[in-house]
Protein backbone atom coordinates (compact mmCIF):
# COMPACT_ATOMS: atom_id res chain seq x y z
CA UNK A 1 0.00 0.00 0.00
CA UNK A 2 1.43 3.37 -1.00
CA UNK A 3 0.81 6.52 0.96
CA UNK A 4 1.01 9.91 -0.73
CA UNK A 5 2.19 12.92 1.22
CA UNK A 6 1.60 16.28 -0.46
CA UNK A 7 2.89 19.56 0.95
CA UNK A 8 2.51 23.09 -0.39
CA UNK A 9 5.70 25.13 -0.27
CA UNK A 10 4.59 28.70 0.54
CA UNK A 11 7.94 30.17 -0.54
CA UNK A 12 7.59 28.93 -4.12
CA UNK A 13 3.86 28.37 -4.36
CA UNK A 14 4.42 24.79 -5.56
CA UNK A 15 3.22 21.49 -4.19
CA UNK A 16 5.58 18.60 -3.46
CA UNK A 17 4.36 14.99 -3.31
CA UNK A 18 6.20 12.04 -1.77
CA UNK A 19 5.20 8.40 -2.05
CA UNK A 20 5.81 6.22 0.99
CA UNK A 21 5.27 2.45 0.86
CA UNK A 22 3.57 0.76 3.79
CA UNK A 23 5.51 -1.66 5.99
CA UNK A 24 6.74 -4.80 4.24
CA UNK A 25 5.16 -7.15 6.74
CA UNK A 26 2.87 -7.01 9.75
CA UNK A 27 4.75 -6.36 12.96
CA UNK A 28 7.57 -4.65 11.10
CA UNK A 29 9.71 -2.27 13.13
CA UNK A 30 9.05 0.50 10.64
CA UNK A 31 5.79 2.27 11.33
CA UNK A 32 3.75 3.77 8.46
CA UNK A 33 3.96 7.54 8.26
CA UNK A 34 0.79 9.54 8.83
CA UNK A 35 -0.60 11.41 5.85
CA UNK A 36 -0.54 15.20 5.91
CA UNK A 37 -3.71 17.24 5.88
CA UNK A 38 -4.07 20.77 4.53
CA UNK A 39 -3.68 22.15 8.08
CA UNK A 40 -0.45 20.29 8.80
CA UNK A 41 1.02 21.00 5.35
CA UNK A 42 2.01 24.50 6.40
CA UNK A 43 3.86 23.17 9.45
CA UNK A 44 6.31 21.02 7.45
CA UNK A 45 8.54 22.78 4.94
CA UNK A 46 9.32 20.88 1.73
CA UNK A 47 12.82 19.86 2.81
CA UNK A 48 11.43 18.40 6.04
CA UNK A 49 8.99 16.19 4.14
CA UNK A 50 11.75 14.96 1.86
CA UNK A 51 13.97 14.21 4.87
CA UNK A 52 11.11 12.37 6.61
CA UNK A 53 10.42 10.32 3.47
CA UNK A 54 14.10 9.49 3.07
CA UNK A 55 14.32 8.58 6.78
CA UNK A 56 11.34 6.25 6.44
CA UNK A 57 12.75 4.52 3.36
CA UNK A 58 16.18 4.11 4.96
CA UNK A 59 14.66 2.60 8.13
CA UNK A 60 12.67 0.18 5.96
CA UNK A 61 15.83 -0.77 4.05
CA UNK A 62 17.65 -1.43 7.35
CA UNK A 63 14.87 -3.76 8.50
CA UNK A 64 14.85 -5.57 5.14
CA UNK A 65 18.65 -5.99 5.20
CA UNK A 66 18.55 -7.26 8.80
CA UNK A 67 16.01 -9.92 7.73
CA UNK A 68 18.20 -10.89 4.78
CA UNK A 69 21.27 -11.07 7.04
CA UNK A 70 19.49 -13.41 9.46
CA UNK A 71 18.52 -15.64 6.53
CA UNK A 72 22.09 -15.70 5.22
CA UNK A 73 23.54 -16.57 8.65
CA UNK A 74 22.18 -20.12 8.34
CA UNK A 75 25.26 -22.23 7.61
CA UNK A 76 25.26 -24.96 5.03
CA UNK A 77 25.78 -28.37 6.64
CA UNK A 78 25.10 -32.02 6.03
CA UNK A 79 22.28 -31.86 8.59
CA UNK A 80 20.36 -29.55 6.25
CA UNK A 81 20.45 -31.99 3.32
CA UNK A 82 20.65 -35.47 4.91
CA UNK A 83 16.91 -36.13 4.56
CA UNK A 84 16.76 -35.28 0.86
CA UNK A 85 18.33 -37.81 -1.51
CA UNK A 86 18.20 -35.43 -4.48
CA UNK A 87 20.27 -32.86 -2.54
CA UNK A 88 22.71 -35.59 -1.41
CA UNK A 89 23.14 -36.54 -5.06
CA UNK A 90 23.54 -32.91 -6.11
CA UNK A 91 26.18 -32.00 -3.52
CA UNK A 92 28.07 -35.31 -3.12
CA UNK A 93 27.46 -37.26 -6.30
CA UNK A 94 26.26 -40.19 -4.18
CA UNK A 95 22.66 -41.42 -4.53
CA UNK A 96 21.59 -41.28 -0.86
CA UNK A 97 22.54 -40.70 2.79
CA UNK A 98 23.12 -44.41 3.50
CA UNK A 99 25.84 -44.69 0.87
CA UNK A 100 27.35 -41.34 1.94
CA UNK A 101 27.59 -42.54 5.56
CA UNK A 102 29.05 -45.99 4.62
C-alpha atoms as a PDB file:
ATOM      1  CA  UNK A   1       0.000   0.000   0.000  1.00  0.00           C
ATOM      2  CA  UNK A   2       1.431   3.368  -1.002  1.00  0.00           C
ATOM      3  CA  UNK A   3       0.806   6.517   0.964  1.00  0.00           C
ATOM      4  CA  UNK A   4       1.011   9.907  -0.728  1.00  0.00           C
ATOM      5  CA  UNK A   5       2.188  12.918   1.221  1.00  0.00           C
ATOM      6  CA  UNK A   6       1.599  16.277  -0.461  1.00  0.00           C
ATOM      7  CA  UNK A   7       2.891  19.558   0.945  1.00  0.00           C
ATOM      8  CA  UNK A   8       2.507  23.085  -0.387  1.00  0.00           C
ATOM      9  CA  UNK A   9       5.699  25.126  -0.271  1.00  0.00           C
ATOM     10  CA  UNK A  10       4.595  28.696   0.543  1.00  0.00           C
ATOM     11  CA  UNK A  11       7.943  30.174  -0.542  1.00  0.00           C
ATOM     12  CA  UNK A  12       7.588  28.930  -4.121  1.00  0.00           C
ATOM     13  CA  UNK A  13       3.859  28.369  -4.357  1.00  0.00           C
ATOM     14  CA  UNK A  14       4.422  24.795  -5.555  1.00  0.00           C
ATOM     15  CA  UNK A  15       3.223  21.489  -4.193  1.00  0.00           C
ATOM     16  CA  UNK A  16       5.577  18.598  -3.464  1.00  0.00           C
ATOM     17  CA  UNK A  17       4.365  14.988  -3.310  1.00  0.00           C
ATOM     18  CA  UNK A  18       6.198  12.042  -1.774  1.00  0.00           C
ATOM     19  CA  UNK A  19       5.200   8.396  -2.052  1.00  0.00           C
ATOM     20  CA  UNK A  20       5.807   6.218   0.987  1.00  0.00           C
ATOM     21  CA  UNK A  21       5.268   2.451   0.862  1.00  0.00           C
ATOM     22  CA  UNK A  22       3.568   0.765   3.795  1.00  0.00           C
ATOM     23  CA  UNK A  23       5.511  -1.661   5.994  1.00  0.00           C
ATOM     24  CA  UNK A  24       6.738  -4.799   4.237  1.00  0.00           C
ATOM     25  CA  UNK A  25       5.155  -7.153   6.740  1.00  0.00           C
ATOM     26  CA  UNK A  26       2.869  -7.008   9.745  1.00  0.00           C
ATOM     27  CA  UNK A  27       4.748  -6.363  12.958  1.00  0.00           C
ATOM     28  CA  UNK A  28       7.567  -4.648  11.097  1.00  0.00           C
ATOM     29  CA  UNK A  29       9.714  -2.272  13.132  1.00  0.00           C
ATOM     30  CA  UNK A  30       9.047   0.504  10.638  1.00  0.00           C
ATOM     31  CA  UNK A  31       5.786   2.273  11.326  1.00  0.00           C
ATOM     32  CA  UNK A  32       3.753   3.769   8.459  1.00  0.00           C
ATOM     33  CA  UNK A  33       3.962   7.538   8.258  1.00  0.00           C
ATOM     34  CA  UNK A  34       0.786   9.545   8.825  1.00  0.00           C
ATOM     35  CA  UNK A  35      -0.598  11.411   5.851  1.00  0.00           C
ATOM     36  CA  UNK A  36      -0.541  15.198   5.907  1.00  0.00           C
ATOM     37  CA  UNK A  37      -3.710  17.239   5.875  1.00  0.00           C
ATOM     38  CA  UNK A  38      -4.069  20.774   4.525  1.00  0.00           C
ATOM     39  CA  UNK A  39      -3.680  22.148   8.076  1.00  0.00           C
ATOM     40  CA  UNK A  40      -0.451  20.288   8.801  1.00  0.00           C
ATOM     41  CA  UNK A  41       1.019  20.996   5.354  1.00  0.00           C
ATOM     42  CA  UNK A  42       2.006  24.505   6.398  1.00  0.00           C
ATOM     43  CA  UNK A  43       3.858  23.166   9.455  1.00  0.00           C
ATOM     44  CA  UNK A  44       6.308  21.024   7.447  1.00  0.00           C
ATOM     45  CA  UNK A  45       8.538  22.778   4.936  1.00  0.00           C
ATOM     46  CA  UNK A  46       9.318  20.882   1.730  1.00  0.00           C
ATOM     47  CA  UNK A  47      12.815  19.863   2.806  1.00  0.00           C
ATOM     48  CA  UNK A  48      11.432  18.397   6.040  1.00  0.00           C
ATOM     49  CA  UNK A  49       8.988  16.187   4.141  1.00  0.00           C
ATOM     50  CA  UNK A  50      11.755  14.964   1.859  1.00  0.00           C
ATOM     51  CA  UNK A  51      13.970  14.207   4.867  1.00  0.00           C
ATOM     52  CA  UNK A  52      11.109  12.370   6.610  1.00  0.00           C
ATOM     53  CA  UNK A  53      10.417  10.318   3.466  1.00  0.00           C
ATOM     54  CA  UNK A  54      14.097   9.490   3.069  1.00  0.00           C
ATOM     55  CA  UNK A  55      14.320   8.580   6.776  1.00  0.00           C
ATOM     56  CA  UNK A  56      11.343   6.250   6.443  1.00  0.00           C
ATOM     57  CA  UNK A  57      12.747   4.522   3.363  1.00  0.00           C
ATOM     58  CA  UNK A  58      16.183   4.111   4.960  1.00  0.00           C
ATOM     59  CA  UNK A  59      14.662   2.604   8.125  1.00  0.00           C
ATOM     60  CA  UNK A  60      12.674   0.184   5.962  1.00  0.00           C
ATOM     61  CA  UNK A  61      15.828  -0.775   4.047  1.00  0.00           C
ATOM     62  CA  UNK A  62      17.652  -1.429   7.351  1.00  0.00           C
ATOM     63  CA  UNK A  63      14.869  -3.757   8.497  1.00  0.00           C
ATOM     64  CA  UNK A  64      14.852  -5.574   5.135  1.00  0.00           C
ATOM     65  CA  UNK A  65      18.647  -5.993   5.198  1.00  0.00           C
ATOM     66  CA  UNK A  66      18.551  -7.264   8.798  1.00  0.00           C
ATOM     67  CA  UNK A  67      16.011  -9.918   7.734  1.00  0.00           C
ATOM     68  CA  UNK A  68      18.204 -10.893   4.778  1.00  0.00           C
ATOM     69  CA  UNK A  69      21.270 -11.074   7.040  1.00  0.00           C
ATOM     70  CA  UNK A  70      19.488 -13.413   9.459  1.00  0.00           C
ATOM     71  CA  UNK A  71      18.517 -15.644   6.532  1.00  0.00           C
ATOM     72  CA  UNK A  72      22.087 -15.704   5.216  1.00  0.00           C
ATOM     73  CA  UNK A  73      23.542 -16.569   8.650  1.00  0.00           C
ATOM     74  CA  UNK A  74      22.180 -20.117   8.341  1.00  0.00           C
ATOM     75  CA  UNK A  75      25.260 -22.225   7.612  1.00  0.00           C
ATOM     76  CA  UNK A  76      25.262 -24.960   5.031  1.00  0.00           C
ATOM     77  CA  UNK A  77      25.780 -28.366   6.637  1.00  0.00           C
ATOM     78  CA  UNK A  78      25.101 -32.023   6.029  1.00  0.00           C
ATOM     79  CA  UNK A  79      22.278 -31.864   8.594  1.00  0.00           C
ATOM     80  CA  UNK A  80      20.357 -29.547   6.247  1.00  0.00           C
ATOM     81  CA  UNK A  81      20.454 -31.995   3.320  1.00  0.00           C
ATOM     82  CA  UNK A  82      20.646 -35.469   4.907  1.00  0.00           C
ATOM     83  CA  UNK A  83      16.909 -36.130   4.561  1.00  0.00           C
ATOM     84  CA  UNK A  84      16.758 -35.276   0.863  1.00  0.00           C
ATOM     85  CA  UNK A  85      18.328 -37.814  -1.514  1.00  0.00           C
ATOM     86  CA  UNK A  86      18.200 -35.429  -4.481  1.00  0.00           C
ATOM     87  CA  UNK A  87      20.271 -32.862  -2.535  1.00  0.00           C
ATOM     88  CA  UNK A  88      22.705 -35.594  -1.409  1.00  0.00           C
ATOM     89  CA  UNK A  89      23.143 -36.538  -5.064  1.00  0.00           C
ATOM     90  CA  UNK A  90      23.542 -32.905  -6.111  1.00  0.00           C
ATOM     91  CA  UNK A  91      26.178 -31.996  -3.517  1.00  0.00           C
ATOM     92  CA  UNK A  92      28.068 -35.310  -3.121  1.00  0.00           C
ATOM     93  CA  UNK A  93      27.457 -37.260  -6.303  1.00  0.00           C
ATOM     94  CA  UNK A  94      26.258 -40.189  -4.182  1.00  0.00           C
ATOM     95  CA  UNK A  95      22.662 -41.419  -4.528  1.00  0.00           C
ATOM     96  CA  UNK A  96      21.588 -41.279  -0.857  1.00  0.00           C
ATOM     97  CA  UNK A  97      22.538 -40.701   2.794  1.00  0.00           C
ATOM     98  CA  UNK A  98      23.123 -44.411   3.502  1.00  0.00           C
ATOM     99  CA  UNK A  99      25.841 -44.685   0.868  1.00  0.00           C
ATOM    100  CA  UNK A 100      27.345 -41.344   1.943  1.00  0.00           C
ATOM    101  CA  UNK A 101      27.589 -42.543   5.560  1.00  0.00           C
ATOM    102  CA  UNK A 102      29.051 -45.987   4.620  1.00  0.00           C
END
